[in-house]
Amino acid sequence: MAGWDDDRVVTQNLGLTLPSQDEPDLSLGDSQQAKTHIQAKFRQFLKEFQSKRVFVYREQLIHNYEQGDYRVTVNWKDVARFEEDLASLLKTRPGEYLPVFEAAAKEVVASTIIPKPREADMHHIHVQLRDIDSTTIRDLNSSHVGKLVGVRGIVVSASRVNTRATELAIVCKNCKSQNWVKCGHGFGAPNIPRVCDNLRTNEARQAADQKCPLDPWVIIPDRSTFTNSQRLKLQENPEMVPTGEVPRHVDLCVENMLVGTCKPGSRVTVVGIFSIYQAKGRGGKARIGNDNNAVAIRNPYLRVLHIDSEDPSESSIHNFTEEEMTD
């Protein structure tokens, strides 16, 4: 047994591969662990991505936040160069992973600003994606629903600026129970519950004289939060229309800082999420035709994330150049 007491370390390779703790596995599905890993990757991209020796998005985030401009414009192709899986998730499932990207942007700002602000005191940061491979308006179909698309065209009409709720404060008119309802993006209506939550948890109120009726909620505007919203109509460029065909159009929903950035007659390239909504008829009820299947029909529209105008006088206002970041 000589040699076992010597000052040396003996190792043997058993052929076992341990998973890396630093590299997130993007194939974990929809678990919370997977989203945490993906958010860490987005955070790494925003902090470390460089172009011409400039930390493009980190500097843009800090500059915009200090100026009260709570957004960051990200080139989708830069994300693809950083990691193709992240770009694929953003393109195929933007409704799920764009909020993860925005949460990562908020973390980057919080870790950079001194003194570090509290998360409750920080503003929401909007991530605007650009340079998506564009398609034509007439080629949009059901396979694009819920995906990130880019289209080009001419803005032919613009509605007045409206106010849309992002979070509604509601109170039961019978038992005065309060609740808050998160509102989605785009043209969809908020999902307000029809039954009072207090009735579900307190069986003592089941008596007829105390029972809360259906639809008991009343909206409290003073405690609700709102944002600006505008409806645009985008029509195909004349050179894209086949001979003998009529130009087609698609409705656009622009919100927040994109409101008022373009006017009718502007040629633009739009990046957004191809979405659907159920149109309302008179009295606020859903339109239902003679066919029972008509209730399943939805109207398509584009929830806009970024607008690039082909007019130089307009596009130069909203683009953050690298020369400005180096000043």
Protein backbone atom coordinates (compact mmCIF):
# COMPACT_ATOMS: atom_id res chain seq x y z
CA MET A 1 0.00 0.00 0.00
CA ALA A 2 2.96 2.27 -0.43
CA GLY A 3 2.25 5.57 -2.10
CA TRP A 4 -1.26 6.14 -0.66
CA ASP A 5 0.04 8.51 1.96
CA ASP A 6 1.91 10.73 -0.53
CA ASP A 7 0.83 14.36 -0.99
CA ARG A 8 -0.89 13.96 -4.30
CA VAL A 9 -4.42 13.98 -5.77
CA VAL A 10 -5.64 11.05 -7.86
CA THR A 11 -8.51 11.63 -10.33
CA GLN A 12 -10.40 9.42 -12.75
CA ASN A 13 -12.74 10.44 -15.60
CA LEU A 14 -16.02 8.51 -15.27
CA GLY A 15 -17.52 9.98 -18.46
CA LEU A 16 -20.25 11.88 -16.60
CA THR A 17 -21.37 15.26 -17.95
CA LEU A 18 -22.80 17.71 -15.44
CA PRO A 19 -25.17 20.42 -16.65
CA SER A 20 -23.74 23.91 -16.65
CA GLN A 21 -25.21 26.24 -14.07
CA ASP A 22 -24.33 29.34 -16.06
CA GLU A 23 -25.78 28.44 -19.44
CA PRO A 24 -29.60 28.44 -19.50
CA ASP A 25 -31.38 25.63 -21.27
CA LEU A 26 -33.83 27.21 -23.73
CA SER A 27 -35.55 23.86 -24.31
CA LEU A 28 -37.09 23.62 -20.86
CA GLY A 29 -40.51 24.60 -22.19
CA ASP A 30 -42.83 27.00 -20.42
CA SER A 31 -41.58 26.41 -16.87
CA GLN A 32 -40.73 29.32 -14.62
CA GLN A 33 -37.14 28.09 -14.51
CA ALA A 34 -36.89 28.35 -18.30
CA LYS A 35 -38.26 31.89 -18.32
CA THR A 36 -35.82 32.88 -15.59
CA HIS A 37 -32.94 31.56 -17.71
CA ILE A 38 -34.24 33.33 -20.81
CA GLN A 39 -34.62 36.59 -18.89
CA ALA A 40 -30.99 36.27 -17.80
CA LYS A 41 -29.99 35.84 -21.46
CA PHE A 42 -31.94 38.94 -22.46
CA ARG A 43 -30.26 40.86 -19.64
CA GLN A 44 -26.87 39.68 -20.82
CA PHE A 45 -27.67 40.77 -24.38
CA LEU A 46 -28.70 44.29 -23.31
CA LYS A 47 -25.62 44.75 -21.13
CA GLU A 48 -22.93 43.16 -23.29
CA PHE A 49 -23.90 43.55 -26.95
CA GLN A 50 -21.44 45.83 -28.74
CA SER A 51 -21.36 47.57 -32.10
CA LYS A 52 -18.20 49.46 -33.08
CA ARG A 53 -16.94 49.12 -29.51
CA VAL A 54 -20.06 50.77 -28.12
CA PHE A 55 -22.47 49.06 -25.71
CA VAL A 56 -25.40 50.04 -27.88
CA TYR A 57 -28.42 49.02 -25.84
CA ARG A 58 -27.00 49.59 -22.38
CA GLU A 59 -26.11 53.18 -23.28
CA GLN A 60 -29.45 53.67 -25.02
CA LEU A 61 -31.35 52.42 -21.98
CA ILE A 62 -29.52 54.72 -19.57
CA HIS A 63 -29.76 57.75 -21.85
CA ASN A 64 -33.46 57.30 -22.57
CA TYR A 65 -34.40 56.60 -18.95
CA GLU A 66 -32.60 59.70 -17.70
CA GLN A 67 -34.43 61.76 -20.34
CA GLY A 68 -37.82 60.36 -19.31
CA ASP A 69 -38.10 58.24 -22.47
CA TYR A 70 -38.95 54.80 -21.12
CA ARG A 71 -38.22 52.63 -24.14
CA VAL A 72 -35.40 50.90 -25.98
CA THR A 73 -35.30 50.19 -29.71
CA VAL A 74 -33.72 46.80 -30.42
CA ASN A 75 -32.68 45.45 -33.81
CA TRP A 76 -34.08 41.93 -34.05
CA LYS A 77 -31.12 40.88 -36.20
CA ASP A 78 -28.77 41.86 -33.37
CA VAL A 79 -30.62 39.45 -31.10
CA ALA A 80 -30.28 36.76 -33.78
CA ARG A 81 -26.53 37.38 -33.98
CA PHE A 82 -26.26 37.14 -30.21
CA GLU A 83 -28.32 33.94 -29.95
CA GLU A 84 -30.68 32.54 -32.56
CA ASP A 85 -32.90 30.79 -30.02
CA LEU A 86 -33.77 34.09 -28.34
CA ALA A 87 -34.62 35.70 -31.68
CA SER A 88 -36.78 32.71 -32.59
CA LEU A 89 -38.71 32.96 -29.32
CA LEU A 90 -39.36 36.65 -29.90
CA LYS A 91 -40.57 36.04 -33.44
CA THR A 92 -42.79 33.03 -32.83
CA ARG A 93 -44.07 33.80 -29.30
CA PRO A 94 -43.76 37.56 -28.79
CA GLY A 95 -46.81 37.84 -26.55
CA GLU A 96 -45.15 35.54 -24.02
CA TYR A 97 -41.50 36.54 -24.21
CA LEU A 98 -41.66 40.26 -24.97
CA PRO A 99 -42.71 40.96 -21.33
CA VAL A 100 -39.70 38.85 -20.26
CA PHE A 101 -37.48 41.02 -22.45
CA GLU A 102 -38.97 44.18 -20.93
CA ALA A 103 -38.43 42.85 -17.41
CA ALA A 104 -34.77 42.25 -18.31
CA ALA A 105 -34.47 45.82 -19.59
CA LYS A 106 -35.86 47.10 -16.30
CA GLU A 107 -33.27 45.06 -14.40
CA VAL A 108 -30.45 46.51 -16.51
CA VAL A 109 -31.55 50.06 -15.72
CA ALA A 110 -31.94 49.25 -12.01
CA SER A 111 -28.43 47.77 -11.85
CA THR A 112 -26.85 50.76 -13.62
CA ILE A 113 -28.45 53.81 -12.02
CA ILE A 114 -26.88 55.09 -8.79
CA PRO A 115 -28.47 55.06 -6.27
CA LYS A 116 -30.34 51.91 -7.21
CA PRO A 117 -34.08 52.68 -7.44
CA ARG A 118 -36.78 50.50 -5.96
CA GLU A 119 -38.63 48.35 -8.45
CA ALA A 120 -41.97 49.82 -7.35
CA ASP A 121 -40.71 53.33 -8.16
CA MET A 122 -39.44 52.49 -11.65
CA HIS A 123 -41.37 53.10 -14.85
CA HIS A 124 -42.24 50.30 -17.22
CA ILE A 125 -39.77 50.07 -20.11
CA HIS A 126 -41.11 49.26 -23.57
CA VAL A 127 -38.96 47.19 -25.93
CA GLN A 128 -39.48 48.17 -29.57
CA LEU A 129 -38.23 45.61 -32.09
CA ARG A 130 -37.23 46.57 -35.62
CA ASP A 131 -35.74 45.05 -38.78
CA ILE A 132 -37.98 41.99 -38.94
CA ASP A 133 -38.13 40.26 -42.33
CA SER A 134 -41.12 41.99 -43.94
CA THR A 135 -44.08 40.41 -45.70
CA THR A 136 -46.90 41.91 -47.74
CA ILE A 137 -50.28 42.79 -46.29
CA ARG A 138 -52.10 40.43 -48.67
CA ASP A 139 -49.91 37.53 -47.54
CA LEU A 140 -50.95 37.83 -43.88
CA ASN A 141 -53.11 34.87 -42.86
CA SER A 142 -54.04 32.67 -39.90
CA SER A 143 -50.54 31.17 -39.70
CA HIS A 144 -49.20 34.59 -38.66
CA VAL A 145 -51.58 35.06 -35.71
CA GLY A 146 -49.65 35.61 -32.50
CA LYS A 147 -46.33 36.02 -34.33
CA LEU A 148 -44.02 38.95 -34.99
CA VAL A 149 -44.36 40.33 -38.51
CA GLY A 150 -43.14 43.31 -40.49
CA VAL A 151 -45.17 45.02 -43.22
CA ARG A 152 -44.72 48.06 -45.43
CA GLY A 153 -47.37 50.42 -46.70
CA ILE A 154 -48.98 53.84 -46.65
CA VAL A 155 -50.96 55.18 -43.70
CA VAL A 156 -54.33 56.19 -45.19
CA SER A 157 -56.22 57.15 -42.02
CA ALA A 158 -55.59 57.89 -38.37
CA SER A 159 -58.14 58.15 -35.58
CA ARG A 160 -58.05 60.66 -32.78
CA VAL A 161 -56.02 59.77 -29.71
CA ASN A 162 -58.05 57.67 -27.28
CA THR A 163 -57.50 56.68 -23.67
CA ARG A 164 -57.26 52.95 -22.97
CA ALA A 165 -57.12 51.37 -19.53
CA THR A 166 -54.09 49.27 -18.59
CA GLU A 167 -55.40 48.39 -15.11
CA LEU A 168 -58.97 48.87 -13.91
CA ALA A 169 -59.95 49.43 -10.29
CA ILE A 170 -63.42 47.99 -9.72
CA VAL A 171 -65.71 47.88 -6.67
CA CYS A 172 -68.80 45.77 -6.00
CA LYS A 173 -71.84 48.01 -5.68
CA ASN A 174 -73.41 45.58 -3.18
CA CYS A 175 -70.68 44.58 -0.70
CA LYS A 176 -68.10 47.29 -1.61
CA SER A 177 -65.40 44.68 -2.23
CA GLN A 178 -62.53 46.06 -4.32
CA ASN A 179 -60.52 44.37 -7.03
CA TRP A 180 -58.08 45.21 -9.83
CA VAL A 181 -58.22 43.88 -13.38
CA LYS A 182 -55.23 43.84 -15.72
CA CYS A 183 -56.18 44.86 -19.25
CA GLY A 184 -54.51 43.34 -22.26
CA HIS A 185 -52.98 45.16 -25.19
CA GLY A 186 -54.62 46.07 -28.46
CA PHE A 187 -58.31 46.19 -29.30
CA GLY A 188 -59.42 43.40 -26.97
CA ALA A 189 -61.88 44.18 -24.17
CA PRO A 190 -60.86 43.68 -20.50
CA ASN A 191 -62.01 40.45 -18.87
CA ILE A 192 -64.07 41.73 -15.93
CA PRO A 193 -65.43 38.90 -13.75
CA ARG A 194 -69.19 38.54 -13.58
CA VAL A 195 -69.29 37.29 -9.98
CA CYS A 196 -68.09 39.12 -6.89
CA ASP A 197 -65.00 37.50 -5.34
CA ASN A 198 -66.28 38.24 -1.84
CA LEU A 199 -69.32 36.05 -2.51
CA ARG A 200 -67.10 33.09 -3.40
CA THR A 201 -65.11 33.26 -0.17
CA ASN A 202 -67.87 34.15 2.28
CA GLU A 203 -70.67 31.60 2.27
CA ALA A 204 -72.51 33.54 4.97
CA ARG A 205 -73.57 36.01 2.27
CA GLN A 206 -75.52 33.37 0.38
CA ALA A 207 -78.78 34.69 1.83
CA ALA A 208 -81.06 36.17 -0.78
CA ASP A 209 -81.09 39.59 0.82
CA GLN A 210 -77.28 39.79 0.87
CA LYS A 211 -76.33 37.94 -2.28
CA CYS A 212 -74.32 39.97 -4.78
CA PRO A 213 -75.96 40.00 -8.22
CA LEU A 214 -74.31 39.16 -11.50
CA ASP A 215 -72.11 41.91 -12.98
CA PRO A 216 -71.94 43.92 -9.73
CA TRP A 217 -68.71 45.75 -10.54
CA VAL A 218 -68.39 49.50 -10.98
CA ILE A 219 -65.21 51.02 -12.45
CA ILE A 220 -63.37 53.64 -10.38
CA PRO A 221 -61.53 55.88 -12.88
CA ASP A 222 -59.55 57.76 -10.21
CA ARG A 223 -57.76 54.57 -9.13
CA SER A 224 -57.33 53.07 -12.60
CA THR A 225 -54.32 53.55 -14.86
CA PHE A 226 -54.56 54.53 -18.53
CA THR A 227 -52.43 54.99 -21.61
CA ASN A 228 -52.81 56.64 -25.01
CA SER A 229 -54.05 54.59 -27.94
CA GLN A 230 -54.67 55.28 -31.60
CA ARG A 231 -56.05 53.35 -34.56
CA LEU A 232 -54.37 53.58 -37.96
CA LYS A 233 -55.14 51.99 -41.30
CA LEU A 234 -52.21 50.78 -43.38
CA GLN A 235 -52.66 50.19 -47.11
CA GLU A 236 -50.40 48.39 -49.56
CA ASN A 237 -47.92 50.47 -51.52
CA PRO A 238 -49.11 50.98 -55.13
CA GLU A 239 -46.09 49.13 -56.55
CA MET A 240 -46.97 46.05 -54.45
CA VAL A 241 -50.52 45.69 -55.82
CA PRO A 242 -50.83 43.12 -58.65
CA THR A 243 -52.28 44.34 -61.91
CA GLY A 244 -56.06 44.48 -61.79
CA GLU A 245 -56.23 43.97 -58.01
CA VAL A 246 -57.58 46.35 -55.36
CA PRO A 247 -55.12 47.52 -52.65
CA ARG A 248 -55.63 45.73 -49.34
CA HIS A 249 -55.25 47.20 -45.90
CA VAL A 250 -54.82 46.18 -42.26
CA ASP A 251 -55.75 47.98 -39.04
CA LEU A 252 -52.97 49.07 -36.72
CA CYS A 253 -53.14 49.61 -32.96
CA VAL A 254 -50.48 52.01 -31.69
CA GLU A 255 -50.03 52.76 -27.99
CA ASN A 256 -47.94 54.78 -25.57
CA MET A 257 -45.08 56.72 -27.19
CA LEU A 258 -45.91 55.54 -30.72
CA VAL A 259 -49.13 57.55 -30.73
CA GLY A 260 -48.91 60.48 -33.14
CA THR A 261 -45.59 59.43 -34.68
CA CYS A 262 -46.96 59.21 -38.23
CA LYS A 263 -49.71 60.92 -40.19
CA PRO A 264 -51.89 59.88 -43.15
CA GLY A 265 -49.87 59.78 -46.34
CA SER A 266 -46.67 58.55 -44.68
CA ARG A 267 -44.85 55.54 -46.10
CA VAL A 268 -43.83 53.37 -43.17
CA THR A 269 -42.41 49.99 -42.24
CA VAL A 270 -44.28 48.56 -39.27
CA VAL A 271 -43.21 45.79 -36.90
CA GLY A 272 -45.88 44.32 -34.67
CA ILE A 273 -47.75 41.28 -33.39
CA PHE A 274 -50.44 39.99 -35.75
CA SER A 275 -53.47 39.68 -33.49
CA ILE A 276 -57.24 39.17 -33.66
CA TYR A 277 -60.25 40.60 -31.83
CA GLN A 278 -64.02 40.19 -31.86
CA ALA A 279 -65.76 43.22 -33.27
CA LYS A 280 -68.62 44.74 -31.31
CA GLY A 281 -71.97 45.64 -32.79
CA ARG A 282 -74.59 48.02 -31.53
CA GLY A 283 -75.05 48.05 -27.79
CA GLY A 284 -71.55 46.68 -27.25
CA LYS A 285 -72.57 43.10 -28.07
CA ALA A 286 -70.53 40.79 -30.25
CA ARG A 287 -71.56 40.58 -33.87
CA ILE A 288 -73.20 37.23 -34.61
CA GLY A 289 -74.45 36.41 -38.07
CA ASN A 290 -77.09 33.98 -39.22
CA ASP A 291 -74.56 31.16 -39.13
CA ASN A 292 -73.72 29.87 -35.67
CA ASN A 293 -70.06 29.65 -36.70
CA ALA A 294 -69.94 33.42 -37.09
CA VAL A 295 -69.25 33.77 -33.37
CA ALA A 296 -65.84 32.19 -33.95
CA ILE A 297 -64.83 34.76 -36.57
CA ARG A 298 -62.31 37.39 -35.44
CA ASN A 299 -61.00 40.50 -37.13
CA PRO A 300 -57.22 40.73 -37.68
CA TYR A 301 -55.10 43.70 -36.76
CA LEU A 302 -51.47 44.52 -36.02
CA ARG A 303 -50.41 45.55 -32.51
CA VAL A 304 -47.53 47.85 -33.38
CA LEU A 305 -44.18 47.64 -31.60
CA HIS A 306 -42.16 49.93 -33.85
CA ILE A 307 -42.70 52.28 -36.78
CA ASP A 308 -39.97 53.25 -39.26
CA SER A 309 -40.93 56.14 -41.50
CA GLU A 310 -39.44 56.44 -44.97
CA ASP A 311 -39.64 60.22 -44.64
CA PRO A 312 -36.18 61.31 -43.38
CA SER A 313 -37.63 64.28 -41.52
CA GLU A 314 -39.77 61.91 -39.42
CA SER A 315 -37.46 58.92 -38.96
CA SER A 316 -34.56 61.02 -37.66
CA ILE A 317 -36.68 62.19 -34.75
CA HIS A 318 -37.17 58.76 -33.21
CA ASN A 319 -33.99 56.84 -34.01
CA PHE A 320 -31.15 56.80 -31.47
CA THR A 321 -27.87 56.99 -33.41
CA GLU A 322 -24.52 55.63 -32.30
CA GLU A 323 -22.97 59.12 -32.57
CA GLU A 324 -25.39 60.36 -29.91
CA MET A 325 -24.46 57.50 -27.62
CA THR A 326 -20.76 58.30 -27.84
CA ASP A 327 -21.22 62.01 -27.03
